[in-house]
Amino acid sequence: METKPRNLTVLMPDDQLLEVTYYCNDKNLEEDQKEFFTSLLIQLDDCICNMKIEKHLCKNQGALERIIHNKVINTKGHLCQEN
């Protein structure tokens, strides 16, 4: 499943606003995973986070935005320093 890039503003706990771009794409997944999963790519500045999520979540805008908010807040806005 491929979606067009969208932008989302994330309010951090310190009241800083971060603008992220995100989209879904399953081109890099293994064939046996493409039926049920897709990749959620979140870009913040020059950093890109790639998360495997269930495909149905890409169609649920509210759930997708909650995932993005949680990921950005949990990494304190530093997606490149994750892992």
N, C-alpha and C. Protein backbone atom coordinates (compact mmCIF):
# COMPACT_ATOMS: atom_id res chain seq x y z
N MET A 1 0.85 -1.18 0.00
CA MET A 1 0.00 0.00 0.00
C MET A 1 0.89 1.23 0.00
N GLU A 2 0.61 2.13 -0.90
CA GLU A 2 1.39 3.35 -0.98
C GLU A 2 0.46 4.54 -0.82
N THR A 3 0.86 5.48 0.03
CA THR A 3 0.08 6.69 0.23
C THR A 3 0.93 7.90 -0.16
N LYS A 4 0.27 8.99 -0.41
CA LYS A 4 0.97 10.24 -0.72
C LYS A 4 1.55 10.82 0.56
N PRO A 5 2.69 11.51 0.46
CA PRO A 5 3.26 12.14 1.65
C PRO A 5 2.31 13.18 2.24
N ARG A 6 2.24 13.18 3.55
CA ARG A 6 1.42 14.15 4.30
C ARG A 6 2.28 14.78 5.37
N ASN A 7 1.85 15.93 5.83
CA ASN A 7 2.55 16.63 6.90
C ASN A 7 1.71 16.62 8.16
N LEU A 8 2.38 16.61 9.28
CA LEU A 8 1.73 16.61 10.58
C LEU A 8 2.58 17.43 11.54
N THR A 9 1.96 18.25 12.34
CA THR A 9 2.68 19.01 13.36
C THR A 9 2.51 18.29 14.69
N VAL A 10 3.63 18.01 15.32
CA VAL A 10 3.63 17.30 16.61
C VAL A 10 4.00 18.30 17.70
N LEU A 11 3.15 18.36 18.72
CA LEU A 11 3.41 19.21 19.88
C LEU A 11 4.20 18.39 20.90
N MET A 12 5.42 18.82 21.15
CA MET A 12 6.29 18.13 22.10
C MET A 12 5.94 18.57 23.53
N PRO A 13 6.34 17.78 24.54
CA PRO A 13 6.06 18.14 25.94
C PRO A 13 6.61 19.50 26.35
N ASP A 14 7.68 19.97 25.69
CA ASP A 14 8.24 21.29 26.01
C ASP A 14 7.61 22.41 25.18
N ASP A 15 6.45 22.13 24.57
CA ASP A 15 5.68 23.08 23.75
C ASP A 15 6.34 23.42 22.42
N GLN A 16 7.39 22.71 22.05
CA GLN A 16 8.01 22.90 20.75
C GLN A 16 7.14 22.20 19.69
N LEU A 17 6.98 22.83 18.55
CA LEU A 17 6.23 22.22 17.45
C LEU A 17 7.20 21.66 16.42
N LEU A 18 7.02 20.40 16.06
CA LEU A 18 7.87 19.76 15.05
C LEU A 18 7.01 19.36 13.86
N GLU A 19 7.45 19.71 12.68
CA GLU A 19 6.74 19.37 11.45
C GLU A 19 7.34 18.08 10.88
N VAL A 20 6.54 17.05 10.77
CA VAL A 20 7.00 15.78 10.22
C VAL A 20 6.23 15.47 8.93
N THR A 21 6.89 14.74 8.06
CA THR A 21 6.28 14.24 6.83
C THR A 21 6.20 12.74 6.97
N TYR A 22 5.11 12.16 6.52
CA TYR A 22 4.97 10.70 6.64
C TYR A 22 4.21 10.14 5.44
N TYR A 23 4.46 8.87 5.19
CA TYR A 23 3.73 8.14 4.15
C TYR A 23 3.92 6.65 4.36
N CYS A 24 3.06 5.87 3.72
CA CYS A 24 3.15 4.41 3.79
C CYS A 24 3.63 3.87 2.44
N ASN A 25 4.45 2.83 2.51
CA ASN A 25 5.00 2.23 1.30
C ASN A 25 5.46 0.82 1.65
N ASP A 26 5.09 -0.17 0.84
CA ASP A 26 5.50 -1.54 1.16
C ASP A 26 6.49 -2.13 0.16
N LYS A 27 7.17 -1.28 -0.60
CA LYS A 27 8.13 -1.75 -1.61
C LYS A 27 9.30 -2.52 -1.00
N ASN A 28 9.73 -2.17 0.19
CA ASN A 28 10.91 -2.81 0.78
C ASN A 28 10.58 -3.99 1.69
N LEU A 29 9.32 -4.36 1.77
CA LEU A 29 8.94 -5.51 2.59
C LEU A 29 9.10 -6.80 1.79
N GLU A 30 9.28 -7.88 2.51
CA GLU A 30 9.34 -9.19 1.86
C GLU A 30 7.96 -9.54 1.33
N GLU A 31 7.91 -10.30 0.25
CA GLU A 31 6.65 -10.63 -0.42
C GLU A 31 5.61 -11.22 0.53
N ASP A 32 6.02 -12.10 1.43
CA ASP A 32 5.06 -12.75 2.31
C ASP A 32 4.48 -11.81 3.37
N GLN A 33 5.05 -10.63 3.54
CA GLN A 33 4.56 -9.66 4.53
C GLN A 33 3.65 -8.59 3.91
N LYS A 34 3.69 -8.45 2.59
CA LYS A 34 2.97 -7.37 1.93
C LYS A 34 1.46 -7.47 2.03
N GLU A 35 0.93 -8.64 2.28
CA GLU A 35 -0.51 -8.78 2.35
C GLU A 35 -1.09 -8.09 3.59
N PHE A 36 -0.38 -8.16 4.71
CA PHE A 36 -0.91 -7.65 5.97
C PHE A 36 -0.16 -6.44 6.54
N PHE A 37 1.04 -6.18 6.05
CA PHE A 37 1.88 -5.12 6.61
C PHE A 37 2.30 -4.11 5.56
N THR A 38 2.68 -2.94 6.04
CA THR A 38 3.26 -1.90 5.20
C THR A 38 4.29 -1.16 6.04
N SER A 39 5.10 -0.36 5.40
CA SER A 39 6.09 0.45 6.11
C SER A 39 5.57 1.85 6.27
N LEU A 40 5.66 2.36 7.48
CA LEU A 40 5.34 3.76 7.75
C LEU A 40 6.67 4.49 7.84
N LEU A 41 6.86 5.45 6.96
CA LEU A 41 8.08 6.24 6.95
C LEU A 41 7.78 7.63 7.49
N ILE A 42 8.52 8.02 8.51
CA ILE A 42 8.34 9.31 9.17
C ILE A 42 9.63 10.10 8.98
N GLN A 43 9.52 11.29 8.39
CA GLN A 43 10.70 12.11 8.18
C GLN A 43 10.62 13.37 9.02
N LEU A 44 11.68 13.61 9.76
CA LEU A 44 11.81 14.81 10.59
C LEU A 44 13.19 15.37 10.30
N ASP A 45 13.23 16.54 9.72
CA ASP A 45 14.48 17.15 9.26
C ASP A 45 15.14 16.17 8.28
N ASP A 46 16.37 15.76 8.54
CA ASP A 46 17.07 14.84 7.63
C ASP A 46 16.97 13.39 8.08
N CYS A 47 16.23 13.11 9.11
CA CYS A 47 16.12 11.76 9.65
C CYS A 47 14.84 11.08 9.17
N ILE A 48 14.95 9.81 8.85
CA ILE A 48 13.79 9.03 8.44
C ILE A 48 13.70 7.79 9.32
N CYS A 49 12.52 7.59 9.88
CA CYS A 49 12.24 6.42 10.70
C CYS A 49 11.33 5.50 9.88
N ASN A 50 11.65 4.23 9.84
CA ASN A 50 10.88 3.25 9.10
C ASN A 50 10.29 2.25 10.09
N MET A 51 8.96 2.18 10.13
CA MET A 51 8.27 1.28 11.06
C MET A 51 7.36 0.34 10.27
N LYS A 52 7.37 -0.93 10.61
CA LYS A 52 6.44 -1.87 10.00
C LYS A 52 5.15 -1.85 10.82
N ILE A 53 4.03 -1.57 10.13
CA ILE A 53 2.74 -1.52 10.80
C ILE A 53 1.73 -2.36 10.02
N GLU A 54 0.61 -2.65 10.64
CA GLU A 54 -0.45 -3.38 9.95
C GLU A 54 -1.06 -2.47 8.89
N LYS A 55 -1.37 -3.04 7.74
CA LYS A 55 -1.85 -2.28 6.59
C LYS A 55 -3.11 -1.49 6.88
N HIS A 56 -4.01 -2.06 7.65
CA HIS A 56 -5.28 -1.37 7.91
C HIS A 56 -5.08 -0.05 8.64
N LEU A 57 -3.95 0.13 9.34
CA LEU A 57 -3.70 1.37 10.06
C LEU A 57 -3.47 2.56 9.13
N CYS A 58 -3.00 2.31 7.91
CA CYS A 58 -2.78 3.40 6.96
C CYS A 58 -4.10 4.03 6.52
N LYS A 59 -5.17 3.29 6.64
CA LYS A 59 -6.49 3.81 6.25
C LYS A 59 -7.18 4.52 7.40
N ASN A 60 -6.67 4.38 8.61
CA ASN A 60 -7.26 4.99 9.80
C ASN A 60 -6.39 6.20 10.20
N GLN A 61 -6.79 7.38 9.74
CA GLN A 61 -5.99 8.59 9.94
C GLN A 61 -5.72 8.87 11.42
N GLY A 62 -6.69 8.69 12.27
CA GLY A 62 -6.50 8.95 13.69
C GLY A 62 -5.47 8.02 14.32
N ALA A 63 -5.56 6.74 14.01
CA ALA A 63 -4.60 5.77 14.55
C ALA A 63 -3.20 6.03 14.01
N LEU A 64 -3.11 6.38 12.75
CA LEU A 64 -1.82 6.66 12.12
C LEU A 64 -1.17 7.88 12.76
N GLU A 65 -1.94 8.92 12.99
CA GLU A 65 -1.38 10.11 13.62
C GLU A 65 -0.98 9.87 15.07
N ARG A 66 -1.70 9.01 15.78
CA ARG A 66 -1.30 8.66 17.16
C ARG A 66 0.04 7.92 17.16
N ILE A 67 0.23 7.01 16.21
CA ILE A 67 1.51 6.29 16.10
C ILE A 67 2.64 7.28 15.87
N ILE A 68 2.42 8.22 14.96
CA ILE A 68 3.46 9.20 14.63
C ILE A 68 3.75 10.10 15.83
N HIS A 69 2.72 10.62 16.47
CA HIS A 69 2.91 11.46 17.66
C HIS A 69 3.71 10.70 18.71
N ASN A 70 3.30 9.48 19.01
CA ASN A 70 3.99 8.70 20.04
C ASN A 70 5.45 8.45 19.67
N LYS A 71 5.72 8.12 18.42
CA LYS A 71 7.09 7.83 17.99
C LYS A 71 7.97 9.07 18.12
N VAL A 72 7.48 10.20 17.65
CA VAL A 72 8.27 11.44 17.70
C VAL A 72 8.48 11.87 19.15
N ILE A 73 7.44 11.81 19.97
CA ILE A 73 7.57 12.21 21.37
C ILE A 73 8.49 11.24 22.12
N ASN A 74 8.34 9.94 21.89
CA ASN A 74 9.18 8.96 22.59
C ASN A 74 10.65 9.07 22.22
N THR A 75 10.95 9.51 21.02
CA THR A 75 12.35 9.69 20.62
C THR A 75 12.81 11.11 20.88
N LYS A 76 11.96 11.89 21.53
CA LYS A 76 12.25 13.29 21.88
C LYS A 76 12.62 14.11 20.65
N GLY A 77 12.04 13.74 19.50
CA GLY A 77 12.28 14.47 18.25
C GLY A 77 13.58 14.13 17.57
N HIS A 78 14.25 13.07 18.02
CA HIS A 78 15.55 12.68 17.45
C HIS A 78 15.43 11.31 16.82
N LEU A 79 14.74 11.22 15.68
CA LEU A 79 14.53 9.95 15.03
C LEU A 79 15.83 9.28 14.59
N CYS A 80 16.87 10.08 14.28
CA CYS A 80 18.15 9.52 13.83
C CYS A 80 18.90 8.80 14.96
N GLN A 81 18.65 9.18 16.20
CA GLN A 81 19.40 8.61 17.32
C GLN A 81 18.70 7.42 17.92
N GLU A 82 17.62 6.97 17.30
CA GLU A 82 16.89 5.80 17.79
C GLU A 82 17.73 4.54 17.59
N ASN A 83 17.41 3.50 18.30
CA ASN A 83 18.07 2.17 18.27
C ASN A 83 18.97 2.01 19.41
